[in-house]
Amino acid sequence: AKRSLIDAARLSGLDEATLQTLEAFPDAAGIIQYLEDLETRNTEELTRRFDQGSDIRDDFVKETEDFRERQDKYLQIRNFAENPSAAGDIAMVFAYMKLLDPQSVVREGEYATAAQAGSIIDRATVGTYNRLIAGENLTPTQRAEFANAAKDLYTNALDGYFNTRDAAVSRAANFDLDFDRDVTTQDFQQISLDDLRNTKEYTADDFEDLAMDEADRQRI
């Protein structure tokens, strides 16, 4: 019976050190008890990894919420810059304000008050946004400035994301957890650093054709 238990344990994939431990037992009863205790310890360890990994994952998701909102708005701004239109000006500046402060309660398409904008969004941006709501358009220079400033803001947000992720990885390691295996395989970064570095710096010239089209429509 002892030999059968050891052979079965070997076939199940137990490591050599554990098999040698089993060989030291004088009878099958000792082996059975050891294997039961080993299974209990393994189950407890899996539960610990799951619980601690879940806690770290939940905190990581919560702590990166603002980053994910900023990243979404930056992607929108970059799309507006690549496909500029007068109709997109309001959406572009609204996305820029949310990039500045994801927690602001300004609503797209509505006039923004200082209270809604909060202390992070500057008055000049709020004023520009309200003038767009009133029917004005961005100048080519303004479009370029918003697009370039958005890139700088997102770069800073990405640095913060890396710091948050590194802290979560370190926290996992302190609990003897592997971040990708026990916490999450999800990486919220959608824009690589190389992609960000290769994003062009816009100038007013990039939007001059749109400005000429707008001027022609106003003359009609």
Protein backbone atom coordinates (compact mmCIF):
# COMPACT_ATOMS: atom_id res chain seq x y z
CA ALA A 1 0.00 0.00 0.00
CA LYS A 2 2.86 2.39 0.82
CA ARG A 3 4.52 1.79 -2.53
CA SER A 4 1.26 2.28 -4.41
CA LEU A 5 0.67 5.62 -2.68
CA ILE A 6 4.18 6.83 -3.52
CA ASP A 7 3.85 5.73 -7.15
CA ALA A 8 0.51 7.54 -7.41
CA ALA A 9 2.04 10.64 -5.86
CA ARG A 10 4.85 10.52 -8.41
CA LEU A 11 2.39 10.27 -11.29
CA SER A 12 0.44 13.25 -9.91
CA GLY A 13 3.53 15.41 -10.41
CA LEU A 14 4.79 15.89 -6.84
CA ASP A 15 8.35 17.15 -6.71
CA GLU A 16 11.27 14.89 -5.80
CA ALA A 17 11.77 16.42 -2.35
CA THR A 18 8.17 15.63 -1.38
CA LEU A 19 8.50 12.10 -2.72
CA GLN A 20 11.59 11.58 -0.58
CA THR A 21 9.61 12.77 2.43
CA LEU A 22 6.94 10.17 1.65
CA GLU A 23 9.59 7.43 1.44
CA ALA A 24 10.57 8.21 5.04
CA PHE A 25 7.17 7.29 6.43
CA PRO A 26 7.05 3.76 7.88
CA ASP A 27 3.53 2.98 6.69
CA ALA A 28 0.69 4.08 4.41
CA ALA A 29 -1.25 5.79 7.20
CA GLY A 30 1.50 8.36 7.69
CA ILE A 31 1.65 9.04 3.96
CA ILE A 32 -2.12 9.52 3.73
CA GLN A 33 -2.12 11.98 6.61
CA TYR A 34 0.83 13.90 5.13
CA LEU A 35 -0.85 14.16 1.72
CA GLU A 36 -4.11 15.35 3.31
CA ASP A 37 -2.23 18.02 5.27
CA LEU A 38 -0.35 19.02 2.11
CA GLU A 39 -3.62 19.41 0.19
CA THR A 40 -5.04 21.56 3.00
CA ARG A 41 -1.96 23.80 2.98
CA ASN A 42 -2.10 24.13 -0.81
CA THR A 43 -5.80 25.06 -0.70
CA GLU A 44 -5.14 27.65 2.00
CA GLU A 45 -2.28 29.11 -0.07
CA LEU A 46 -4.46 29.34 -3.18
CA THR A 47 -7.16 31.08 -1.15
CA ARG A 48 -4.60 33.51 0.26
CA ARG A 49 -3.27 34.32 -3.20
CA PHE A 50 -6.77 34.84 -4.55
CA ASP A 51 -7.89 37.07 -1.67
CA GLN A 52 -4.75 39.20 -1.55
CA GLY A 53 -4.55 39.38 -5.33
CA SER A 54 -8.18 40.53 -5.49
CA ASP A 55 -7.53 43.25 -2.91
CA ILE A 56 -4.54 44.57 -4.84
CA ARG A 57 -6.44 44.38 -8.14
CA ASP A 58 -9.42 46.29 -6.73
CA ASP A 59 -7.14 49.03 -5.38
CA PHE A 60 -5.20 49.19 -8.66
CA VAL A 61 -8.39 49.59 -10.70
CA LYS A 62 -9.66 52.31 -8.36
CA GLU A 63 -6.34 54.18 -8.25
CA THR A 64 -6.08 54.24 -12.07
CA GLU A 65 -9.64 55.42 -12.67
CA ASP A 66 -8.61 59.02 -13.36
CA PHE A 67 -5.79 57.87 -15.62
CA ARG A 68 -8.17 55.79 -17.72
CA GLU A 69 -10.52 58.76 -18.06
CA ARG A 70 -7.62 61.01 -19.06
CA GLN A 71 -6.38 58.47 -21.58
CA ASP A 72 -9.84 58.22 -23.15
CA LYS A 73 -10.06 61.99 -23.48
CA TYR A 74 -6.56 62.26 -24.91
CA LEU A 75 -7.42 59.69 -27.58
CA GLN A 76 -10.47 61.77 -28.45
CA ILE A 77 -8.41 64.96 -28.68
CA ARG A 78 -5.85 63.26 -30.89
CA ASN A 79 -8.63 62.08 -33.17
CA PHE A 80 -10.10 65.61 -33.33
CA ALA A 81 -6.65 66.97 -34.22
CA GLU A 82 -6.21 64.41 -37.00
CA ASN A 83 -9.74 65.04 -38.28
CA PRO A 84 -10.41 68.69 -37.40
CA SER A 85 -13.78 70.31 -37.84
CA ALA A 86 -15.59 73.30 -36.48
CA ALA A 87 -18.24 70.95 -35.11
CA GLY A 88 -15.54 69.08 -33.21
CA ASP A 89 -14.17 72.17 -31.45
CA ILE A 90 -16.63 71.94 -28.55
CA ALA A 91 -15.94 68.24 -28.06
CA MET A 92 -12.19 68.84 -28.27
CA VAL A 93 -12.14 71.53 -25.58
CA PHE A 94 -14.56 69.56 -23.41
CA ALA A 95 -12.25 66.54 -23.65
CA TYR A 96 -9.32 68.80 -22.76
CA MET A 97 -11.12 70.01 -19.61
CA LYS A 98 -11.81 66.42 -18.58
CA LEU A 99 -8.16 65.63 -19.27
CA LEU A 100 -7.24 68.42 -16.87
CA ASP A 101 -9.72 67.26 -14.25
CA PRO A 102 -11.59 63.98 -14.74
CA GLN A 103 -13.75 64.79 -11.70
CA SER A 104 -15.11 68.08 -13.06
CA VAL A 105 -18.89 68.21 -13.47
CA VAL A 106 -18.94 70.33 -16.63
CA ARG A 107 -21.38 68.85 -19.15
CA GLU A 108 -20.61 68.75 -22.84
CA GLY A 109 -22.72 71.18 -24.84
CA GLU A 110 -23.69 73.31 -21.82
CA TYR A 111 -22.20 76.56 -20.54
CA ALA A 112 -19.60 75.94 -17.86
CA THR A 113 -19.58 77.86 -14.60
CA ALA A 114 -16.52 78.38 -12.43
CA ALA A 115 -18.07 76.13 -9.79
CA GLN A 116 -18.57 73.31 -12.28
CA ALA A 117 -15.05 73.68 -13.65
CA GLY A 118 -13.48 73.61 -10.19
CA SER A 119 -10.06 74.92 -9.26
CA ILE A 120 -7.98 72.81 -11.65
CA ILE A 121 -9.43 73.98 -14.97
CA ASP A 122 -8.17 77.49 -15.72
CA ARG A 123 -10.55 80.37 -16.43
CA ALA A 124 -9.14 80.92 -19.92
CA THR A 125 -10.10 77.39 -20.97
CA VAL A 126 -13.56 77.77 -19.43
CA GLY A 127 -13.98 81.08 -21.28
CA THR A 128 -12.92 79.52 -24.57
CA TYR A 129 -15.35 76.66 -24.06
CA ASN A 130 -18.25 78.99 -23.35
CA ARG A 131 -17.48 81.06 -26.45
CA LEU A 132 -17.61 77.87 -28.50
CA ILE A 133 -21.00 77.07 -26.98
CA ALA A 134 -22.09 80.58 -28.04
CA GLY A 135 -21.15 79.83 -31.65
CA GLU A 136 -17.50 80.82 -32.09
CA ASN A 137 -14.81 78.54 -33.51
CA LEU A 138 -11.25 77.84 -32.44
CA THR A 139 -8.52 79.58 -34.39
CA PRO A 140 -5.86 77.40 -36.02
CA THR A 141 -3.41 78.49 -33.32
CA GLN A 142 -5.82 77.50 -30.56
CA ARG A 143 -6.43 74.08 -32.08
CA ALA A 144 -2.69 73.46 -32.24
CA GLU A 145 -2.19 74.67 -28.66
CA PHE A 146 -4.93 72.44 -27.27
CA ALA A 147 -3.63 69.38 -29.14
CA ASN A 148 -0.04 69.93 -27.99
CA ALA A 149 -1.01 70.73 -24.41
CA ALA A 150 -3.13 67.58 -24.30
CA LYS A 151 -0.09 65.50 -25.26
CA ASP A 152 1.93 67.03 -22.40
CA LEU A 153 -0.89 66.43 -19.92
CA TYR A 154 -1.28 62.83 -20.99
CA THR A 155 2.48 62.27 -20.74
CA ASN A 156 2.35 63.39 -17.12
CA ALA A 157 -0.69 61.17 -16.49
CA LEU A 158 1.16 58.21 -18.02
CA ASP A 159 4.11 58.78 -15.67
CA GLY A 160 1.66 58.67 -12.77
CA TYR A 161 0.16 55.46 -14.10
CA PHE A 162 3.56 53.80 -14.28
CA ASN A 163 4.25 54.81 -10.66
CA THR A 164 0.89 53.41 -9.55
CA ARG A 165 1.47 50.14 -11.39
CA ASP A 166 5.01 49.80 -10.02
CA ALA A 167 3.65 50.30 -6.50
CA ALA A 168 1.02 47.59 -7.09
CA VAL A 169 3.68 45.20 -8.44
CA SER A 170 5.86 45.84 -5.37
CA ARG A 171 2.90 45.33 -3.05
CA ALA A 172 2.17 42.01 -4.75
CA ALA A 173 5.80 40.94 -4.39
CA ASN A 174 5.67 41.73 -0.66
CA PHE A 175 2.92 39.11 -0.36
CA ASP A 176 4.90 36.67 -2.51
CA LEU A 177 2.49 37.17 -5.40
CA ASP A 178 3.23 37.41 -9.10
CA PHE A 179 1.42 40.51 -10.41
CA ASP A 180 0.50 39.11 -13.83
CA ARG A 181 -0.53 35.71 -12.47
CA ASP A 182 -2.17 36.57 -9.14
CA VAL A 183 -3.37 40.17 -9.60
CA THR A 184 -4.18 41.03 -13.21
CA THR A 185 -2.83 40.61 -16.71
CA GLN A 186 -4.60 43.80 -17.81
CA ASP A 187 -2.49 46.80 -18.72
CA PHE A 188 -4.60 49.94 -18.96
CA GLN A 189 -1.99 51.73 -21.07
CA GLN A 190 -3.35 51.96 -24.63
CA ILE A 191 -0.71 54.30 -26.05
CA SER A 192 2.91 53.19 -26.05
CA LEU A 193 5.68 55.59 -25.15
CA ASP A 194 7.09 55.25 -28.67
CA ASP A 195 3.72 56.15 -30.12
CA LEU A 196 3.51 59.14 -27.81
CA ARG A 197 7.02 60.31 -28.72
CA ASN A 198 6.19 60.01 -32.40
CA THR A 199 2.99 62.06 -32.11
CA LYS A 200 3.55 65.24 -34.08
CA GLU A 201 3.72 68.72 -32.63
CA TYR A 202 0.92 70.67 -34.26
CA THR A 203 1.22 74.18 -35.65
CA ALA A 204 -1.41 76.64 -36.84
CA ASP A 205 -0.51 75.67 -40.42
CA ASP A 206 -2.01 72.21 -39.81
CA PHE A 207 -5.44 73.80 -39.43
CA GLU A 208 -5.24 76.69 -41.90
CA ASP A 209 -7.24 74.86 -44.59
CA LEU A 210 -10.07 74.37 -42.12
CA ALA A 211 -9.96 78.04 -41.19
CA MET A 212 -10.19 79.01 -44.87
CA ASP A 213 -13.18 76.72 -45.33
CA GLU A 214 -14.91 78.32 -42.36
CA ALA A 215 -14.22 81.79 -43.74
CA ASP A 216 -15.68 80.80 -47.11
CA ARG A 217 -18.86 79.47 -45.46
CA GLN A 218 -19.29 82.72 -43.51
CA ARG A 219 -19.14 84.74 -46.75
CA ILE A 220 -21.89 82.68 -48.34
